[in-house]
Structure formats: C-alpha cells, structure tokens
Protein backbone atom coordinates (compact mmCIF):
# COMPACT_ATOMS: atom_id res chain seq x y z
CA UNK A 1 5.02 0.03 6.52
CA UNK A 2 3.09 -2.66 4.59
CA UNK A 3 2.03 -2.66 0.96
CA UNK A 4 -1.53 -1.66 2.10
CA UNK A 5 -0.09 1.42 3.89
CA UNK A 6 1.74 2.44 0.70
CA UNK A 7 -1.27 1.98 -1.42
CA UNK A 8 -3.56 3.93 1.03
CA UNK A 9 -1.06 6.80 0.99
CA UNK A 10 -1.17 6.86 -2.78
CA UNK A 11 -4.94 6.90 -2.81
CA UNK A 12 -5.02 9.68 -0.21
CA UNK A 13 -2.61 11.66 -2.31
CA UNK A 14 -4.84 11.21 -5.35
CA UNK A 15 -7.85 12.30 -3.26
CA UNK A 16 -6.06 15.41 -2.15
CA UNK A 17 -5.06 16.23 -5.69
CA UNK A 18 -8.78 16.01 -6.64
CA UNK A 19 -9.68 18.41 -3.90
CA UNK A 20 -11.81 16.21 -1.79
CA UNK A 21 -12.89 17.63 1.47
CA UNK A 22 -10.98 16.96 4.69
CA UNK A 23 -13.94 15.15 6.14
CA UNK A 24 -14.35 12.84 3.10
CA UNK A 25 -10.57 12.07 3.05
CA UNK A 26 -10.59 11.26 6.75
CA UNK A 27 -13.51 8.91 6.25
CA UNK A 28 -11.81 7.18 3.31
CA UNK A 29 -8.51 6.73 5.07
CA UNK A 30 -10.16 5.40 8.22
CA UNK A 31 -12.26 2.93 6.21
CA UNK A 32 -9.21 1.68 4.16
CA UNK A 33 -7.14 1.29 7.42
CA UNK A 34 -9.82 -0.74 9.06
CA UNK A 35 -10.08 -2.94 6.02
CA UNK A 36 -6.37 -3.39 5.93
CA UNK A 37 -6.25 -4.28 9.58
CA UNK A 38 -9.10 -6.75 9.16
CA UNK A 39 -7.42 -8.38 6.18
CA UNK A 40 -4.21 -8.88 8.26
CA UNK A 41 -6.09 -10.04 11.50
CA UNK A 42 -8.28 -12.50 9.53
CA UNK A 43 -5.90 -13.78 6.81
CA UNK A 44 -2.39 -12.33 7.53
CA UNK A 45 -2.64 -10.41 4.32
CA UNK A 46 -0.51 -7.23 4.12
CA UNK A 47 -0.62 -6.49 0.47
CA UNK A 48 -3.54 -5.71 -1.85
CA UNK A 49 -1.93 -8.01 -4.46
CA UNK A 50 -2.82 -10.99 -2.31
CA UNK A 51 -6.44 -10.26 -1.80
CA UNK A 52 -8.74 -12.74 -3.57
CA UNK A 53 -12.47 -12.71 -4.22
CA UNK A 54 -13.01 -15.07 -1.29
CA UNK A 55 -11.37 -12.56 1.02
CA UNK A 56 -13.59 -9.77 -0.28
CA UNK A 57 -16.72 -11.91 0.20
CA UNK A 58 -15.67 -12.68 3.73
CA UNK A 59 -15.03 -8.94 4.46
CA UNK A 60 -18.49 -8.09 3.05
CA UNK A 61 -20.16 -10.80 5.16
CA UNK A 62 -18.42 -9.54 8.32
CA UNK A 63 -19.68 -5.98 7.61
CA UNK A 64 -23.24 -7.12 7.10
CA UNK A 65 -23.01 -9.17 10.36
CA UNK A 66 -21.80 -6.10 12.25
CA UNK A 67 -24.57 -4.02 10.89
C-alpha cells in the first residue's frame, strides 16, 4: 500500500463522515486512484508529499490533451 493509497482512504473516510452520496464517493475515489496511477507511471511518485507544481502542471496538460 502506497502513501497515495493511505491518503485516498483517509479522504474517503472523511467523505463518508460528511454523508456524501455513494455515487459521488465512487467518482472521487476513481479519480484519485487514476491520478495516483498516472503520477507513478509518469514520475514514479508514490507519495503525495513528493508531488511538485511541475508534476501537477504536467497532469493538467495530459488531462486537457485527452479531452
């Protein structure tokens, strides 16, 4: 289990505590897991602590290129 996985689990727990809908939570979890996978595949980053602005810009660029 990576640091990303741990932080995603914590976020999902907070979402559940706030009473978000199941559909919203599934969407959030899927989006975050795809982001974590992309960060590892592109930069071998497995912890949110290691993400820099340059990584976020690269991710945003890849999202806009995908459409």
